[in-house]
């Protein structure tokens, strides 16, 4: 009599190998997800700062960028400081991910001057469990971003 089935031992070996591969794959998937969250938040923040700069230049206004923490958000005003993030002209509210922000200047305000398309120098550091990035604002109004300590696709090294 021929037996065309699998033995219990063969099935257990296949299940164990599959479980090991799945565990390794899940860890890699989590790392990729954290890396993508950090990169996309960095890009979004840089584009928001670019939008603030363009708004200041086209309207020939001076705009102040204010940072609020827990949960973090950024807002701009043309006059006195806002009491919350929702009271500003434009807001950048933290995406629902693991990225945290830190302003690397002593003051918590960065000003964009509309007349000459310039800005007060400043930099933000974004970080999560996988690494850190930096968004830089130069005096001439250039907004750049870079990675600090890990490999992140589409970001140059600092």
Protein backbone atom coordinates (compact mmCIF):
# COMPACT_ATOMS: atom_id res chain seq x y z
CA UNK A 1 0.00 0.00 0.00
CA UNK A 2 1.35 3.41 -0.97
CA UNK A 3 1.07 6.36 1.40
CA UNK A 4 0.87 9.70 -0.39
CA UNK A 5 0.39 11.91 2.70
CA UNK A 6 2.79 13.79 4.95
CA UNK A 7 3.93 12.57 8.31
CA UNK A 8 3.35 14.61 11.44
CA UNK A 9 7.08 15.25 11.80
CA UNK A 10 7.31 16.71 8.28
CA UNK A 11 4.38 19.03 8.96
CA UNK A 12 5.90 20.21 12.27
CA UNK A 13 9.22 20.99 10.58
CA UNK A 14 7.49 23.03 7.87
CA UNK A 15 5.41 24.93 10.46
CA UNK A 16 8.53 25.72 12.55
CA UNK A 17 10.44 27.01 9.53
CA UNK A 18 7.45 29.12 8.47
CA UNK A 19 7.13 30.58 11.98
CA UNK A 20 10.81 31.56 12.07
CA UNK A 21 10.58 33.22 8.66
CA UNK A 22 7.42 35.09 9.71
CA UNK A 23 9.05 36.36 12.92
CA UNK A 24 12.06 37.69 11.01
CA UNK A 25 9.79 39.24 8.39
CA UNK A 26 7.61 41.00 10.98
CA UNK A 27 10.66 42.62 12.61
CA UNK A 28 11.90 43.85 9.23
CA UNK A 29 8.41 45.12 8.39
CA UNK A 30 8.30 47.18 11.61
CA UNK A 31 11.70 48.71 10.85
CA UNK A 32 10.62 49.63 7.33
CA UNK A 33 7.43 51.18 8.67
CA UNK A 34 9.36 53.31 11.22
CA UNK A 35 11.85 54.36 8.54
CA UNK A 36 9.05 55.40 6.19
CA UNK A 37 7.27 57.36 8.96
CA UNK A 38 10.43 59.34 9.71
CA UNK A 39 11.19 60.07 6.06
CA UNK A 40 7.63 61.11 5.20
CA UNK A 41 7.31 63.35 8.28
CA UNK A 42 10.63 65.01 7.42
CA UNK A 43 9.48 65.66 3.85
CA UNK A 44 6.09 66.98 5.04
CA UNK A 45 7.73 69.35 7.53
CA UNK A 46 10.16 70.67 4.91
CA UNK A 47 7.30 71.25 2.46
CA UNK A 48 5.29 73.02 5.17
CA UNK A 49 8.23 75.33 5.92
CA UNK A 50 8.61 75.98 2.20
CA UNK A 51 4.91 76.86 2.03
CA UNK A 52 5.34 79.32 4.91
CA UNK A 53 8.29 80.91 3.14
CA UNK A 54 6.37 81.25 -0.14
CA UNK A 55 3.37 82.73 1.73
CA UNK A 56 5.63 85.29 3.44
CA UNK A 57 7.26 86.21 0.16
CA UNK A 58 4.10 86.51 -1.95
CA UNK A 59 2.19 88.50 0.68
CA UNK A 60 5.27 90.52 1.71
CA UNK A 61 4.54 89.77 5.38
CA UNK A 62 6.67 88.66 8.28
CA UNK A 63 5.48 85.36 9.74
CA UNK A 64 6.60 83.79 12.99
CA UNK A 65 6.70 80.02 13.32
CA UNK A 66 5.77 78.73 16.79
CA UNK A 67 6.38 75.24 18.16
CA UNK A 68 3.95 73.63 20.62
CA UNK A 69 4.78 70.36 22.36
CA UNK A 70 2.74 67.37 23.60
CA UNK A 71 1.43 66.52 21.00
CA UNK A 72 3.68 68.65 18.92
CA UNK A 73 2.50 71.02 16.23
CA UNK A 74 3.74 74.11 14.39
CA UNK A 75 1.74 77.21 13.56
CA UNK A 76 2.44 80.59 12.00
CA UNK A 77 1.19 84.04 12.93
CA UNK A 78 1.87 87.53 11.65
CA UNK A 79 1.36 89.22 15.01
CA UNK A 80 1.41 88.20 18.63
CA UNK A 81 2.11 84.61 19.71
CA UNK A 82 -0.86 82.23 19.58
CA UNK A 83 -2.23 80.47 22.64
CA UNK A 84 -2.68 77.14 20.87
CA UNK A 85 -1.81 75.53 17.60
CA UNK A 86 -5.33 75.93 16.16
CA UNK A 87 -5.30 79.75 16.43
CA UNK A 88 -2.56 80.34 13.85
CA UNK A 89 -2.83 81.05 10.13
CA UNK A 90 -1.30 77.75 8.98
CA UNK A 91 -0.77 74.63 11.07
CA UNK A 92 1.41 71.57 10.82
CA UNK A 93 -0.03 69.01 13.23
CA UNK A 94 1.92 65.90 14.13
CA UNK A 95 0.96 62.92 11.97
CA UNK A 96 -0.29 59.83 13.79
CA UNK A 97 3.06 58.13 14.04
CA UNK A 98 6.03 57.69 16.34
CA UNK A 99 8.05 60.74 15.24
CA UNK A 100 8.97 63.34 17.87
CA UNK A 101 10.35 66.84 17.27
CA UNK A 102 12.95 68.96 18.98
CA UNK A 103 13.81 72.57 18.15
CA UNK A 104 17.56 72.99 18.27
CA UNK A 105 17.50 76.74 18.96
CA UNK A 106 17.06 78.36 22.35
CA UNK A 107 14.05 80.37 21.22
CA UNK A 108 10.88 78.62 20.16
CA UNK A 109 10.13 81.08 17.37
CA UNK A 110 11.55 81.20 13.84
CA UNK A 111 10.68 84.22 11.71
CA UNK A 112 10.26 84.30 7.92
CA UNK A 113 10.75 87.77 6.41
CA UNK A 114 8.74 88.33 3.28
CA UNK A 115 10.47 91.33 1.81
CA UNK A 116 13.73 89.66 0.88
CA UNK A 117 12.65 86.02 1.01
CA UNK A 118 14.86 85.42 4.03
CA UNK A 119 14.39 83.66 7.36
CA UNK A 120 15.81 83.45 10.83
CA UNK A 121 18.21 80.52 11.02
CA UNK A 122 16.97 77.47 12.84
CA UNK A 123 16.78 73.73 12.75
CA UNK A 124 14.45 70.97 13.86
CA UNK A 125 15.39 67.43 14.77
CA UNK A 126 12.88 64.67 14.11
CA UNK A 127 13.49 61.28 15.65
CA UNK A 128 11.95 57.91 16.37
CA UNK A 129 13.26 54.47 17.33
CA UNK A 130 14.93 53.88 13.97
CA UNK A 131 16.93 57.12 13.62
CA UNK A 132 16.91 60.89 13.42
CA UNK A 133 16.71 63.59 10.76
CA UNK A 134 17.32 67.31 10.75
CA UNK A 135 15.46 70.08 8.90
CA UNK A 136 17.61 73.20 8.46
CA UNK A 137 16.47 76.75 7.70
CA UNK A 138 19.25 79.05 6.54
CA UNK A 139 19.39 82.84 6.68
CA UNK A 140 18.82 83.04 2.93
CA UNK A 141 15.59 81.08 3.32
CA UNK A 142 16.88 77.75 2.08
CA UNK A 143 15.17 74.75 3.62
CA UNK A 144 17.13 71.51 3.60
CA UNK A 145 16.84 68.17 5.32
CA UNK A 146 19.26 65.33 6.05
CA UNK A 147 19.62 62.11 8.02
CA UNK A 148 21.76 62.04 11.15
CA UNK A 149 22.63 58.52 12.25
CA UNK A 150 21.02 55.81 10.17
CA UNK A 151 20.25 54.85 6.60
CA UNK A 152 17.08 56.51 5.40
CA UNK A 153 16.16 56.34 1.72
CA UNK A 154 15.94 59.63 -0.21
CA UNK A 155 17.72 61.65 2.50
CA UNK A 156 21.36 62.77 2.24
CA UNK A 157 23.71 62.49 5.21
CA UNK A 158 24.21 65.58 7.38
